[in-house]
Amino acid sequence: MHIKNIMILLVAFICLLISGCGDSSKDQIIVIYDYSDNTEKEYDSTNETIDDLVNQICDFFLDVESENVGIPEEAMRYKRIVIFQADKQKSVEQQKTDENRLINFEIYQYNNEFYCKACFDFLNQEYSAKLSDDISVQVERLETSEQ
């Protein structure tokens, strides 16, 4: 039980860094891959819509009450959101590597509900759950904010 609490605190700390605490927003690259049209777009934490969604998903998985729920086999891949630690010495393409990846969210859709598999690479932890209604609304808003 103590290990779980320590891991939750560590995830909370990393999520604070990702959300811009200490001006780290300039040190993050957020990449959203859309499976419907095979497009990839890059953002930093200055995009409030994307940053807020990332923070809400992190908070959702930090909630001790959230249960690990399997993703239905029939679910379709919807979007992938990957957060990389930026290295100003390298080009953006060189920064998008497994070594620089902090978090990977795979979002799935099934029967008008959204599920997410979250991989916190810095902890070597993976969780999956059905997203809350509030977060699902934000995921749907991604369609309009990306255009």
C-alpha atoms as a PDB file:
ATOM      1  CA  MET A   1       0.000   0.000   0.000  1.00  0.00           C
ATOM      2  CA  HIS A   2       2.851   2.419   0.753  1.00  0.00           C
ATOM      3  CA  ILE A   3       4.386   1.800  -2.663  1.00  0.00           C
ATOM      4  CA  LYS A   4       1.089   2.742  -4.332  1.00  0.00           C
ATOM      5  CA  ASN A   5       0.945   6.002  -2.339  1.00  0.00           C
ATOM      6  CA  ILE A   6       4.539   6.846  -3.248  1.00  0.00           C
ATOM      7  CA  MET A   7       3.819   6.164  -6.915  1.00  0.00           C
ATOM      8  CA  ILE A   8       0.711   8.371  -6.779  1.00  0.00           C
ATOM      9  CA  LEU A   9       2.766  11.210  -5.300  1.00  0.00           C
ATOM     10  CA  LEU A  10       5.419  10.769  -7.980  1.00  0.00           C
ATOM     11  CA  VAL A  11       2.814  10.809 -10.760  1.00  0.00           C
ATOM     12  CA  ALA A  12       1.262  13.931  -9.205  1.00  0.00           C
ATOM     13  CA  PHE A  13       4.657  15.631  -9.181  1.00  0.00           C
ATOM     14  CA  ILE A  14       5.352  14.774 -12.821  1.00  0.00           C
ATOM     15  CA  CYS A  15       1.866  15.938 -13.826  1.00  0.00           C
ATOM     16  CA  LEU A  16       2.542  19.262 -12.092  1.00  0.00           C
ATOM     17  CA  LEU A  17       5.699  19.600 -14.134  1.00  0.00           C
ATOM     18  CA  ILE A  18       3.847  18.747 -17.317  1.00  0.00           C
ATOM     19  CA  SER A  19       1.096  21.255 -16.525  1.00  0.00           C
ATOM     20  CA  GLY A  20       3.555  24.130 -16.511  1.00  0.00           C
ATOM     21  CA  CYS A  21       4.710  24.377 -12.913  1.00  0.00           C
ATOM     22  CA  GLY A  22       8.153  25.960 -12.878  1.00  0.00           C
ATOM     23  CA  ASP A  23       7.838  27.127 -16.502  1.00  0.00           C
ATOM     24  CA  SER A  24       8.299  23.573 -17.752  1.00  0.00           C
ATOM     25  CA  SER A  25       5.688  24.136 -20.466  1.00  0.00           C
ATOM     26  CA  LYS A  26       8.477  25.124 -22.817  1.00  0.00           C
ATOM     27  CA  ASP A  27      10.126  21.782 -22.143  1.00  0.00           C
ATOM     28  CA  GLN A  28       7.235  19.589 -23.301  1.00  0.00           C
ATOM     29  CA  ILE A  29       6.059  18.411 -26.679  1.00  0.00           C
ATOM     30  CA  ILE A  30       2.493  17.094 -26.880  1.00  0.00           C
ATOM     31  CA  VAL A  31       1.755  15.039 -29.987  1.00  0.00           C
ATOM     32  CA  ILE A  32      -1.777  14.027 -30.927  1.00  0.00           C
ATOM     33  CA  TYR A  33      -2.185  11.254 -33.483  1.00  0.00           C
ATOM     34  CA  ASP A  34      -5.650  10.946 -35.003  1.00  0.00           C
ATOM     35  CA  TYR A  35      -6.365   7.400 -36.153  1.00  0.00           C
ATOM     36  CA  SER A  36      -9.361   8.419 -38.304  1.00  0.00           C
ATOM     37  CA  ASP A  37      -7.260  10.319 -40.825  1.00  0.00           C
ATOM     38  CA  ASN A  38      -3.721   9.253 -39.877  1.00  0.00           C
ATOM     39  CA  THR A  39      -2.628  12.766 -38.979  1.00  0.00           C
ATOM     40  CA  GLU A  40      -0.203  13.901 -36.319  1.00  0.00           C
ATOM     41  CA  LYS A  41      -0.111  17.376 -34.774  1.00  0.00           C
ATOM     42  CA  GLU A  42       2.365  18.828 -32.309  1.00  0.00           C
ATOM     43  CA  TYR A  43       1.593  21.237 -29.483  1.00  0.00           C
ATOM     44  CA  ASP A  44       3.215  22.621 -26.383  1.00  0.00           C
ATOM     45  CA  SER A  45       1.528  23.399 -23.077  1.00  0.00           C
ATOM     46  CA  THR A  46       0.543  26.883 -24.264  1.00  0.00           C
ATOM     47  CA  ASN A  47      -2.458  25.303 -26.028  1.00  0.00           C
ATOM     48  CA  GLU A  48      -4.932  25.517 -23.142  1.00  0.00           C
ATOM     49  CA  THR A  49      -7.417  22.987 -24.550  1.00  0.00           C
ATOM     50  CA  ILE A  50      -4.793  20.284 -25.050  1.00  0.00           C
ATOM     51  CA  ASP A  51      -2.978  21.090 -21.797  1.00  0.00           C
ATOM     52  CA  ASP A  52      -6.245  20.971 -19.830  1.00  0.00           C
ATOM     53  CA  LEU A  53      -7.183  17.606 -21.343  1.00  0.00           C
ATOM     54  CA  VAL A  54      -3.762  16.133 -20.522  1.00  0.00           C
ATOM     55  CA  ASN A  55      -4.036  17.414 -16.944  1.00  0.00           C
ATOM     56  CA  GLN A  56      -7.562  16.040 -16.530  1.00  0.00           C
ATOM     57  CA  ILE A  57      -6.565  12.596 -17.781  1.00  0.00           C
ATOM     58  CA  CYS A  58      -3.534  12.588 -15.457  1.00  0.00           C
ATOM     59  CA  ASP A  59      -5.746  13.612 -12.518  1.00  0.00           C
ATOM     60  CA  PHE A  60      -8.289  10.952 -13.477  1.00  0.00           C
ATOM     61  CA  PHE A  61      -5.694   8.191 -13.253  1.00  0.00           C
ATOM     62  CA  LEU A  62      -4.268   9.646 -10.035  1.00  0.00           C
ATOM     63  CA  ASP A  63      -7.659   9.236  -8.371  1.00  0.00           C
ATOM     64  CA  VAL A  64      -7.263   6.361  -5.932  1.00  0.00           C
ATOM     65  CA  GLU A  65     -10.923   5.478  -6.536  1.00  0.00           C
ATOM     66  CA  SER A  66     -10.495   4.858 -10.274  1.00  0.00           C
ATOM     67  CA  GLU A  67     -10.407   1.200 -11.149  1.00  0.00           C
ATOM     68  CA  ASN A  68      -8.384  -0.519 -13.829  1.00  0.00           C
ATOM     69  CA  VAL A  69     -11.026  -1.462 -16.398  1.00  0.00           C
ATOM     70  CA  GLY A  70     -10.295  -3.429 -19.521  1.00  0.00           C
ATOM     71  CA  ILE A  71     -10.943  -1.849 -22.885  1.00  0.00           C
ATOM     72  CA  PRO A  72     -13.580  -3.745 -24.906  1.00  0.00           C
ATOM     73  CA  GLU A  73     -12.065  -5.741 -27.754  1.00  0.00           C
ATOM     74  CA  GLU A  74     -14.533  -4.130 -30.166  1.00  0.00           C
ATOM     75  CA  ALA A  75     -13.352  -0.610 -29.273  1.00  0.00           C
ATOM     76  CA  MET A  76     -11.860   1.432 -32.092  1.00  0.00           C
ATOM     77  CA  ARG A  77      -8.632   3.377 -31.697  1.00  0.00           C
ATOM     78  CA  TYR A  78      -9.560   7.049 -31.598  1.00  0.00           C
ATOM     79  CA  LYS A  79      -6.547   9.177 -30.686  1.00  0.00           C
ATOM     80  CA  ARG A  80      -3.120   8.849 -29.174  1.00  0.00           C
ATOM     81  CA  ILE A  81      -1.688  11.640 -27.026  1.00  0.00           C
ATOM     82  CA  VAL A  82       2.022  11.441 -26.269  1.00  0.00           C
ATOM     83  CA  ILE A  83       3.946  13.812 -24.019  1.00  0.00           C
ATOM     84  CA  PHE A  84       7.684  14.071 -24.641  1.00  0.00           C
ATOM     85  CA  GLN A  85      10.341  15.825 -22.611  1.00  0.00           C
ATOM     86  CA  ALA A  86      11.847  18.399 -24.936  1.00  0.00           C
ATOM     87  CA  ASP A  87      15.562  18.737 -25.560  1.00  0.00           C
ATOM     88  CA  LYS A  88      16.353  22.110 -27.097  1.00  0.00           C
ATOM     89  CA  GLN A  89      19.638  20.752 -28.451  1.00  0.00           C
ATOM     90  CA  LYS A  90      17.787  18.496 -30.932  1.00  0.00           C
ATOM     91  CA  SER A  91      15.216  18.902 -33.681  1.00  0.00           C
ATOM     92  CA  VAL A  92      11.585  18.132 -32.871  1.00  0.00           C
ATOM     93  CA  GLU A  93      11.736  14.842 -34.787  1.00  0.00           C
ATOM     94  CA  GLN A  94      14.841  13.767 -32.852  1.00  0.00           C
ATOM     95  CA  GLN A  95      13.041  14.532 -29.590  1.00  0.00           C
ATOM     96  CA  LYS A  96      10.077  12.268 -30.300  1.00  0.00           C
ATOM     97  CA  THR A  97      11.803   9.111 -29.074  1.00  0.00           C
ATOM     98  CA  ASP A  98      11.036   6.451 -26.489  1.00  0.00           C
ATOM     99  CA  GLU A  99      13.798   7.860 -24.280  1.00  0.00           C
ATOM    100  CA  ASN A 100      12.097  11.277 -24.182  1.00  0.00           C
ATOM    101  CA  ARG A 101       8.535   9.956 -23.789  1.00  0.00           C
ATOM    102  CA  LEU A 102       6.939  10.683 -20.419  1.00  0.00           C
ATOM    103  CA  ILE A 103       3.319   9.662 -20.918  1.00  0.00           C
ATOM    104  CA  ASN A 104       1.334   7.877 -23.620  1.00  0.00           C
ATOM    105  CA  PHE A 105      -2.481   7.973 -23.694  1.00  0.00           C
ATOM    106  CA  GLU A 106      -4.258   5.642 -26.138  1.00  0.00           C
ATOM    107  CA  ILE A 107      -7.896   6.701 -26.400  1.00  0.00           C
ATOM    108  CA  TYR A 108     -10.494   4.248 -27.712  1.00  0.00           C
ATOM    109  CA  GLN A 109     -14.163   4.689 -28.588  1.00  0.00           C
ATOM    110  CA  TYR A 110     -16.863   2.074 -28.085  1.00  0.00           C
ATOM    111  CA  ASN A 111     -20.642   2.679 -28.107  1.00  0.00           C
ATOM    112  CA  ASN A 112     -20.211   6.461 -27.765  1.00  0.00           C
ATOM    113  CA  GLU A 113     -17.989   5.996 -24.707  1.00  0.00           C
ATOM    114  CA  PHE A 114     -14.293   6.697 -24.445  1.00  0.00           C
ATOM    115  CA  TYR A 115     -11.719   4.445 -22.845  1.00  0.00           C
ATOM    116  CA  CYS A 116      -8.087   5.220 -22.196  1.00  0.00           C
ATOM    117  CA  LYS A 117      -4.935   3.205 -21.702  1.00  0.00           C
ATOM    118  CA  ALA A 118      -2.417   5.403 -19.903  1.00  0.00           C
ATOM    119  CA  CYS A 119       1.269   4.493 -19.842  1.00  0.00           C
ATOM    120  CA  PHE A 120       3.368   6.526 -17.436  1.00  0.00           C
ATOM    121  CA  ASP A 121       6.787   5.679 -18.866  1.00  0.00           C
ATOM    122  CA  PHE A 122       8.738   7.365 -16.082  1.00  0.00           C
ATOM    123  CA  LEU A 123       7.100   4.944 -13.604  1.00  0.00           C
ATOM    124  CA  ASN A 124       6.856   1.955 -15.919  1.00  0.00           C
ATOM    125  CA  GLN A 125       3.142   1.791 -15.028  1.00  0.00           C
ATOM    126  CA  GLU A 126       0.102   1.201 -17.224  1.00  0.00           C
ATOM    127  CA  TYR A 127      -3.559   1.773 -16.404  1.00  0.00           C
ATOM    128  CA  SER A 128      -6.787   1.509 -18.371  1.00  0.00           C
ATOM    129  CA  ALA A 129     -10.255   2.818 -17.596  1.00  0.00           C
ATOM    130  CA  LYS A 130     -13.480   4.163 -19.037  1.00  0.00           C
ATOM    131  CA  LEU A 131     -13.119   7.949 -19.077  1.00  0.00           C
ATOM    132  CA  SER A 132     -15.516  10.128 -17.110  1.00  0.00           C
ATOM    133  CA  ASP A 133     -18.242  12.037 -18.935  1.00  0.00           C
ATOM    134  CA  ASP A 134     -16.426  15.355 -18.374  1.00  0.00           C
ATOM    135  CA  ILE A 135     -13.215  14.075 -19.930  1.00  0.00           C
ATOM    136  CA  SER A 136     -15.130  12.415 -22.770  1.00  0.00           C
ATOM    137  CA  VAL A 137     -16.650  15.795 -23.658  1.00  0.00           C
ATOM    138  CA  GLN A 138     -13.159  17.298 -23.804  1.00  0.00           C
ATOM    139  CA  VAL A 139     -11.943  14.439 -25.998  1.00  0.00           C
ATOM    140  CA  GLU A 140     -14.797  15.173 -28.409  1.00  0.00           C
ATOM    141  CA  ARG A 141     -13.847  18.873 -28.379  1.00  0.00           C
ATOM    142  CA  LEU A 142     -10.415  17.919 -29.685  1.00  0.00           C
ATOM    143  CA  GLU A 143     -11.999  17.530 -33.116  1.00  0.00           C
ATOM    144  CA  THR A 144     -12.937  21.208 -33.263  1.00  0.00           C
ATOM    145  CA  SER A 145      -9.826  22.570 -31.544  1.00  0.00           C
ATOM    146  CA  GLU A 146      -7.463  20.755 -33.924  1.00  0.00           C
ATOM    147  CA  GLN A 147      -9.046  22.233 -37.045  1.00  0.00           C
END
